[in-house]
Each structure stands twice: as C-alpha cells, then as structure tokens.
C-alpha cells in the first residue's frame, strides 16, 4: 500500500473520531476479551483492529467474531490506560480494519500521537 493511501485512511479515521472523541473495538461481553489477531503486515506481532464508528465496527461481528460487540473507548481512556498496556504487549493498531483491500497498521505510539492531535485543546 502506498504511503498516500495509508495517510488518507488515517486522515478519514481521525476526522470521524474527532467529533465523537472515541474509537471502537470489538469485545466479547462474556469473557471481556478484545479482538486481537496476528498482524498481516508486522512479523511476530499482533494487531488490535479499531474503527472510527460503531457501525463500521459492527459490520465485523460475523463468523469468528460473532460473539463480539462494538465497544467504545474514549480517546482520553485510550491515552491514559490503553497506550501503555498495548505498547508493553507489542500490539499494533489496525485503523478502520477491512477484511479486504488496504490494511493500515500503525505502531501503538504513532497511532496514539495521531489521536492526541485531535483532542480539544484544554484551557
């Protein structure tokens, strides 16, 4: 995938997430586990798919992920709690994960810096 396509997908994700100040991931309500799978782009890494909207996330609650439901994660919670845990576990982030086509995966630090850039300025 070209850098241009990757930047466009990330820019669209950030534009959509800026309004809600949240991201969406898939969680099994019974076990409270989150969808994490082998990365197709990073060797020996796992990826956590995230989406910019509940509706995008919900389209993936089929087949092996049918027991999962979209769960909202605020950007504040992501930066305060998720960043360090995912970084410690060497998890990368799949942005607006798609079954087919371009798959954008970012190091958790790079993704988190992008999220921080869309937070409202605190006065």
N, C-alpha and C. Protein backbone atom coordinates (compact mmCIF):
# COMPACT_ATOMS: atom_id res chain seq x y z
N UNK A 1 0.83 -1.16 0.00
CA UNK A 1 0.00 0.00 0.00
C UNK A 1 0.89 1.23 0.00
N UNK A 2 0.46 2.23 -0.74
CA UNK A 2 1.26 3.45 -0.80
C UNK A 2 1.09 4.27 0.47
N UNK A 3 2.09 5.10 0.73
CA UNK A 3 2.01 6.00 1.88
C UNK A 3 0.81 6.93 1.76
N UNK A 4 0.48 7.31 0.52
CA UNK A 4 -0.65 8.21 0.30
C UNK A 4 -1.94 7.54 0.73
N UNK A 5 -2.16 6.28 0.35
CA UNK A 5 -3.37 5.56 0.76
C UNK A 5 -3.43 5.43 2.27
N UNK A 6 -2.31 5.11 2.89
CA UNK A 6 -2.26 4.95 4.33
C UNK A 6 -2.62 6.27 5.02
N UNK A 7 -2.05 7.37 4.54
CA UNK A 7 -2.35 8.68 5.12
C UNK A 7 -3.81 9.06 4.95
N UNK A 8 -4.39 8.73 3.79
CA UNK A 8 -5.80 9.04 3.53
C UNK A 8 -6.72 8.26 4.47
N UNK A 9 -6.44 6.99 4.67
CA UNK A 9 -7.25 6.16 5.57
C UNK A 9 -7.15 6.68 7.00
N UNK A 10 -5.94 7.01 7.42
CA UNK A 10 -5.75 7.55 8.77
C UNK A 10 -6.45 8.91 8.91
N UNK A 11 -6.32 9.77 7.92
CA UNK A 11 -6.96 11.09 7.98
C UNK A 11 -8.48 10.97 8.08
N UNK A 12 -9.06 10.06 7.32
CA UNK A 12 -10.51 9.84 7.39
C UNK A 12 -10.91 9.31 8.77
N UNK A 13 -10.14 8.37 9.29
CA UNK A 13 -10.39 7.83 10.63
C UNK A 13 -10.36 8.95 11.67
N UNK A 14 -9.33 9.79 11.62
CA UNK A 14 -9.19 10.87 12.60
C UNK A 14 -10.30 11.90 12.47
N UNK A 15 -10.70 12.21 11.25
CA UNK A 15 -11.78 13.17 11.05
C UNK A 15 -13.09 12.66 11.67
N UNK A 16 -13.36 11.38 11.51
CA UNK A 16 -14.58 10.80 12.07
C UNK A 16 -14.48 10.67 13.59
N UNK A 17 -13.32 10.32 14.10
CA UNK A 17 -13.14 10.14 15.54
C UNK A 17 -13.07 11.46 16.30
N UNK A 18 -12.71 12.53 15.60
CA UNK A 18 -12.58 13.84 16.26
C UNK A 18 -13.91 14.29 16.85
N UNK A 19 -14.99 14.07 16.13
CA UNK A 19 -16.30 14.50 16.59
C UNK A 19 -16.74 13.74 17.84
N UNK A 20 -16.58 12.43 17.81
CA UNK A 20 -17.04 11.60 18.93
C UNK A 20 -16.01 11.52 20.06
N UNK A 21 -14.75 11.84 19.75
CA UNK A 21 -13.65 11.71 20.71
C UNK A 21 -13.55 10.28 21.24
N UNK A 22 -13.78 9.33 20.32
CA UNK A 22 -13.70 7.92 20.71
C UNK A 22 -13.31 7.06 19.51
N UNK A 23 -12.91 5.83 19.84
CA UNK A 23 -12.66 4.79 18.84
C UNK A 23 -13.49 3.58 19.26
N UNK A 24 -13.65 2.65 18.36
CA UNK A 24 -14.45 1.45 18.62
C UNK A 24 -13.62 0.21 18.38
N UNK A 25 -13.75 -0.75 19.28
CA UNK A 25 -13.09 -2.05 19.13
C UNK A 25 -14.12 -3.12 19.45
N UNK A 26 -13.78 -4.37 19.16
CA UNK A 26 -14.72 -5.47 19.40
C UNK A 26 -14.36 -6.20 20.68
N UNK A 27 -15.38 -6.38 21.53
CA UNK A 27 -15.19 -7.03 22.82
C UNK A 27 -16.23 -8.12 23.01
N UNK A 28 -15.77 -9.25 23.56
CA UNK A 28 -16.66 -10.33 23.94
C UNK A 28 -17.23 -9.96 25.31
N UNK A 29 -18.52 -9.72 25.38
CA UNK A 29 -19.13 -9.25 26.63
C UNK A 29 -19.04 -10.29 27.74
N UNK A 30 -19.04 -11.56 27.39
CA UNK A 30 -18.99 -12.61 28.40
C UNK A 30 -17.59 -12.71 29.02
N UNK A 31 -16.58 -12.84 28.17
CA UNK A 31 -15.21 -13.01 28.67
C UNK A 31 -14.48 -11.68 28.86
N UNK A 32 -15.02 -10.63 28.28
CA UNK A 32 -14.42 -9.29 28.27
C UNK A 32 -13.11 -9.24 27.48
N UNK A 33 -12.86 -10.26 26.65
CA UNK A 33 -11.69 -10.26 25.78
C UNK A 33 -11.95 -9.34 24.59
N UNK A 34 -10.86 -8.82 24.03
CA UNK A 34 -10.93 -7.94 22.87
C UNK A 34 -10.39 -8.69 21.66
N UNK A 35 -10.87 -8.34 20.47
CA UNK A 35 -10.34 -8.94 19.25
C UNK A 35 -8.90 -8.46 19.04
N UNK A 36 -8.01 -9.42 19.00
CA UNK A 36 -6.60 -9.22 18.66
C UNK A 36 -6.21 -10.41 17.81
N UNK A 37 -5.52 -10.16 16.72
CA UNK A 37 -5.16 -11.25 15.82
C UNK A 37 -3.76 -11.04 15.28
N UNK A 38 -3.24 -12.04 14.59
CA UNK A 38 -1.91 -11.94 14.00
C UNK A 38 -1.89 -10.84 12.95
N UNK A 39 -0.87 -10.04 12.99
CA UNK A 39 -0.73 -8.94 12.04
C UNK A 39 -0.31 -9.48 10.67
N UNK A 40 -1.00 -9.04 9.61
CA UNK A 40 -0.56 -9.44 8.28
C UNK A 40 0.64 -8.63 7.78
N UNK A 41 0.94 -7.51 8.45
CA UNK A 41 2.00 -6.61 7.98
C UNK A 41 3.26 -6.60 8.84
N UNK A 42 3.13 -6.95 10.12
CA UNK A 42 4.27 -6.94 11.03
C UNK A 42 4.57 -8.37 11.46
N UNK A 43 5.80 -8.79 11.25
CA UNK A 43 6.19 -10.15 11.62
C UNK A 43 6.24 -10.28 13.15
N UNK A 44 5.73 -11.39 13.65
CA UNK A 44 5.72 -11.68 15.09
C UNK A 44 5.01 -10.60 15.91
N UNK A 45 3.95 -10.04 15.35
CA UNK A 45 3.18 -9.02 16.08
C UNK A 45 1.70 -9.35 15.99
N UNK A 46 0.98 -8.84 16.96
CA UNK A 46 -0.47 -8.95 16.94
C UNK A 46 -1.05 -7.56 16.71
N UNK A 47 -2.24 -7.54 16.14
CA UNK A 47 -2.90 -6.28 15.82
C UNK A 47 -4.26 -6.23 16.49
N UNK A 48 -4.61 -5.06 17.00
CA UNK A 48 -5.94 -4.80 17.55
C UNK A 48 -6.65 -3.90 16.56
N UNK A 49 -7.68 -4.41 15.90
CA UNK A 49 -8.43 -3.57 14.98
C UNK A 49 -9.28 -2.55 15.74
N UNK A 50 -9.31 -1.32 15.23
CA UNK A 50 -10.18 -0.28 15.77
C UNK A 50 -10.86 0.42 14.60
N UNK A 51 -12.03 0.97 14.90
CA UNK A 51 -12.82 1.67 13.90
C UNK A 51 -13.22 3.04 14.42
N UNK A 52 -13.59 3.91 13.50
CA UNK A 52 -13.96 5.27 13.87
C UNK A 52 -15.44 5.40 14.20
N UNK A 53 -16.22 4.34 13.98
CA UNK A 53 -17.65 4.40 14.29
C UNK A 53 -18.17 3.03 14.72
N UNK A 54 -19.25 3.05 15.46
CA UNK A 54 -19.88 1.81 15.90
C UNK A 54 -20.37 1.01 14.70
N UNK A 55 -20.94 1.69 13.72
CA UNK A 55 -21.49 0.98 12.56
C UNK A 55 -20.40 0.27 11.77
N UNK A 56 -19.23 0.90 11.61
CA UNK A 56 -18.13 0.21 10.92
C UNK A 56 -17.68 -1.01 11.70
N UNK A 57 -17.55 -0.86 13.01
CA UNK A 57 -17.12 -1.98 13.85
C UNK A 57 -18.14 -3.12 13.79
N UNK A 58 -19.42 -2.77 13.83
CA UNK A 58 -20.48 -3.78 13.86
C UNK A 58 -20.48 -4.67 12.63
N UNK A 59 -20.07 -4.15 11.49
CA UNK A 59 -20.06 -4.96 10.27
C UNK A 59 -19.10 -6.16 10.37
N UNK A 60 -18.21 -6.13 11.35
CA UNK A 60 -17.23 -7.21 11.51
C UNK A 60 -17.64 -8.24 12.57
N UNK A 61 -18.82 -8.07 13.14
CA UNK A 61 -19.31 -9.01 14.18
C UNK A 61 -19.98 -10.21 13.53
N UNK A 62 -19.24 -10.89 12.70
CA UNK A 62 -19.73 -12.07 11.98
C UNK A 62 -18.69 -13.17 12.07
N UNK A 63 -19.09 -14.36 11.67
CA UNK A 63 -18.23 -15.55 11.66
C UNK A 63 -17.46 -15.69 12.97
N UNK A 64 -16.13 -15.70 12.93
CA UNK A 64 -15.37 -15.96 14.16
C UNK A 64 -15.51 -14.82 15.18
N UNK A 65 -16.02 -13.68 14.77
CA UNK A 65 -16.20 -12.55 15.69
C UNK A 65 -17.67 -12.31 16.04
N UNK A 66 -18.53 -13.28 15.79
CA UNK A 66 -19.95 -13.06 16.03
C UNK A 66 -20.30 -12.93 17.51
N UNK A 67 -19.47 -13.43 18.41
CA UNK A 67 -19.72 -13.29 19.85
C UNK A 67 -19.26 -11.93 20.38
N UNK A 68 -18.67 -11.13 19.53
CA UNK A 68 -18.14 -9.83 19.94
C UNK A 68 -19.13 -8.72 19.59
N UNK A 69 -19.05 -7.64 20.34
CA UNK A 69 -19.88 -6.46 20.06
C UNK A 69 -18.98 -5.23 20.07
N UNK A 70 -19.38 -4.19 19.31
CA UNK A 70 -18.60 -2.96 19.33
C UNK A 70 -18.63 -2.32 20.72
N UNK A 71 -17.46 -1.91 21.18
CA UNK A 71 -17.34 -1.21 22.47
C UNK A 71 -16.57 0.08 22.25
N UNK A 72 -17.09 1.14 22.82
CA UNK A 72 -16.50 2.46 22.65
C UNK A 72 -15.36 2.67 23.65
N UNK A 73 -14.28 3.26 23.16
CA UNK A 73 -13.14 3.63 24.01
C UNK A 73 -12.89 5.12 23.77
N UNK A 74 -13.02 5.91 24.82
CA UNK A 74 -12.78 7.35 24.64
C UNK A 74 -11.30 7.57 24.35
N UNK A 75 -11.02 8.65 23.65
CA UNK A 75 -9.62 8.97 23.36
C UNK A 75 -8.85 9.21 24.65
N UNK A 76 -9.49 9.85 25.63
CA UNK A 76 -8.83 10.06 26.92
C UNK A 76 -8.45 8.73 27.56
N UNK A 77 -9.38 7.75 27.57
CA UNK A 77 -9.08 6.44 28.14
C UNK A 77 -7.98 5.73 27.34
N UNK A 78 -8.03 5.86 26.03
CA UNK A 78 -7.00 5.24 25.18
C UNK A 78 -5.63 5.74 25.61
N UNK A 79 -5.51 7.06 25.70
CA UNK A 79 -4.20 7.65 26.03
C UNK A 79 -3.79 7.40 27.47
N UNK A 80 -4.77 7.37 28.38
CA UNK A 80 -4.45 7.19 29.80
C UNK A 80 -4.21 5.74 30.20
N UNK A 81 -4.91 4.80 29.56
CA UNK A 81 -4.86 3.40 30.01
C UNK A 81 -4.39 2.42 28.95
N UNK A 82 -4.86 2.58 27.74
CA UNK A 82 -4.60 1.58 26.70
C UNK A 82 -3.19 1.67 26.13
N UNK A 83 -2.70 2.86 25.94
CA UNK A 83 -1.41 3.08 25.28
C UNK A 83 -0.30 2.24 25.90
N UNK A 84 -0.10 2.35 27.19
CA UNK A 84 0.99 1.63 27.85
C UNK A 84 0.80 0.12 27.80
N UNK A 85 -0.43 -0.35 28.04
CA UNK A 85 -0.68 -1.79 28.02
C UNK A 85 -0.41 -2.39 26.64
N UNK A 86 -0.91 -1.73 25.60
CA UNK A 86 -0.70 -2.24 24.24
C UNK A 86 0.77 -2.15 23.85
N UNK A 87 1.41 -1.08 24.25
CA UNK A 87 2.84 -0.91 23.97
C UNK A 87 3.65 -2.02 24.65
N UNK A 88 3.32 -2.29 25.92
CA UNK A 88 4.02 -3.35 26.66
C UNK A 88 3.82 -4.72 26.02
N UNK A 89 2.66 -4.93 25.41
CA UNK A 89 2.35 -6.22 24.79
C UNK A 89 2.74 -6.28 23.31
N UNK A 90 3.41 -5.25 22.81
CA UNK A 90 3.84 -5.18 21.40
C UNK A 90 2.68 -5.37 20.43
N UNK A 91 1.56 -4.74 20.73
CA UNK A 91 0.39 -4.81 19.86
C UNK A 91 0.41 -3.60 18.93
N UNK A 92 0.14 -3.82 17.65
CA UNK A 92 -0.02 -2.71 16.71
C UNK A 92 -1.52 -2.47 16.54
N UNK A 93 -1.88 -1.35 15.93
CA UNK A 93 -3.28 -0.95 15.80
C UNK A 93 -3.67 -0.99 14.33
N UNK A 94 -4.78 -1.67 14.04
CA UNK A 94 -5.33 -1.71 12.68
C UNK A 94 -6.40 -0.64 12.57
N UNK A 95 -6.18 0.35 11.72
CA UNK A 95 -7.05 1.51 11.60
C UNK A 95 -8.17 1.26 10.59
N UNK A 96 -9.43 1.40 11.07
CA UNK A 96 -10.61 1.11 10.24
C UNK A 96 -10.40 -0.19 9.47
N UNK A 97 -10.09 -1.22 10.24
CA UNK A 97 -9.76 -2.55 9.73
C UNK A 97 -10.74 -2.99 8.65
N UNK A 98 -10.23 -3.52 7.58
CA UNK A 98 -11.05 -4.03 6.49
C UNK A 98 -10.69 -5.48 6.22
N UNK A 99 -11.69 -6.25 5.87
CA UNK A 99 -11.44 -7.66 5.54
C UNK A 99 -10.60 -7.79 4.28
N UNK A 100 -10.81 -6.87 3.36
CA UNK A 100 -10.10 -6.91 2.09
C UNK A 100 -9.55 -5.54 1.79
N UNK A 101 -8.62 -5.48 0.86
CA UNK A 101 -8.08 -4.20 0.45
C UNK A 101 -6.95 -3.74 1.36
N UNK A 102 -6.82 -2.44 1.44
CA UNK A 102 -5.72 -1.85 2.18
C UNK A 102 -5.92 -2.02 3.68
N UNK A 103 -4.91 -2.54 4.34
CA UNK A 103 -4.93 -2.70 5.79
C UNK A 103 -3.86 -1.77 6.36
N UNK A 104 -4.32 -0.78 7.11
CA UNK A 104 -3.40 0.19 7.71
C UNK A 104 -3.13 -0.25 9.14
N UNK A 105 -1.87 -0.51 9.43
CA UNK A 105 -1.46 -0.86 10.77
C UNK A 105 -0.37 0.12 11.21
N UNK A 106 -0.53 0.62 12.44
CA UNK A 106 0.43 1.57 12.98
C UNK A 106 0.95 1.09 14.31
N UNK A 107 2.18 1.44 14.61
CA UNK A 107 2.70 1.20 15.94
C UNK A 107 1.78 1.95 16.91
N UNK A 108 1.56 1.40 18.07
CA UNK A 108 0.61 1.99 19.01
C UNK A 108 1.00 3.42 19.40
N UNK A 109 2.28 3.70 19.49
CA UNK A 109 2.74 5.05 19.83
C UNK A 109 2.37 6.05 18.72
N UNK A 110 2.58 5.66 17.47
CA UNK A 110 2.24 6.54 16.34
C UNK A 110 0.73 6.78 16.28
N UNK A 111 -0.04 5.72 16.47
CA UNK A 111 -1.50 5.85 16.46
C UNK A 111 -1.95 6.77 17.59
N UNK A 112 -1.40 6.58 18.76
CA UNK A 112 -1.79 7.37 19.92
C UNK A 112 -1.42 8.85 19.75
N UNK A 113 -0.28 9.12 19.12
CA UNK A 113 0.09 10.51 18.84
C UNK A 113 -0.92 11.15 17.88
N UNK A 114 -1.37 10.37 16.91
CA UNK A 114 -2.38 10.88 15.98
C UNK A 114 -3.68 11.18 16.72
N UNK A 115 -4.08 10.29 17.63
CA UNK A 115 -5.30 10.53 18.42
C UNK A 115 -5.15 11.77 19.29
N UNK A 116 -4.00 11.93 19.91
CA UNK A 116 -3.77 13.09 20.77
C UNK A 116 -3.91 14.40 19.97
N UNK A 117 -3.57 14.35 18.69
CA UNK A 117 -3.64 15.56 17.87
C UNK A 117 -5.06 16.03 17.58
N UNK A 118 -6.06 15.16 17.81
CA UNK A 118 -7.45 15.57 17.56
C UNK A 118 -8.23 15.86 18.84
N UNK A 119 -7.54 15.81 19.96
CA UNK A 119 -8.20 16.14 21.21
C UNK A 119 -8.40 17.65 21.30
N UNK A 120 -9.50 18.08 21.92
CA UNK A 120 -9.69 19.52 22.11
C UNK A 120 -8.57 20.10 22.99
N UNK A 121 -8.22 21.31 22.70
CA UNK A 121 -7.18 21.99 23.50
C UNK A 121 -7.77 22.33 24.85
N UNK A 122 -7.07 21.92 25.91
CA UNK A 122 -7.53 22.19 27.27
C UNK A 122 -7.07 23.59 27.66
N UNK A 123 -8.00 24.34 28.26
CA UNK A 123 -7.63 25.69 28.68
C UNK A 123 -7.30 25.77 30.13
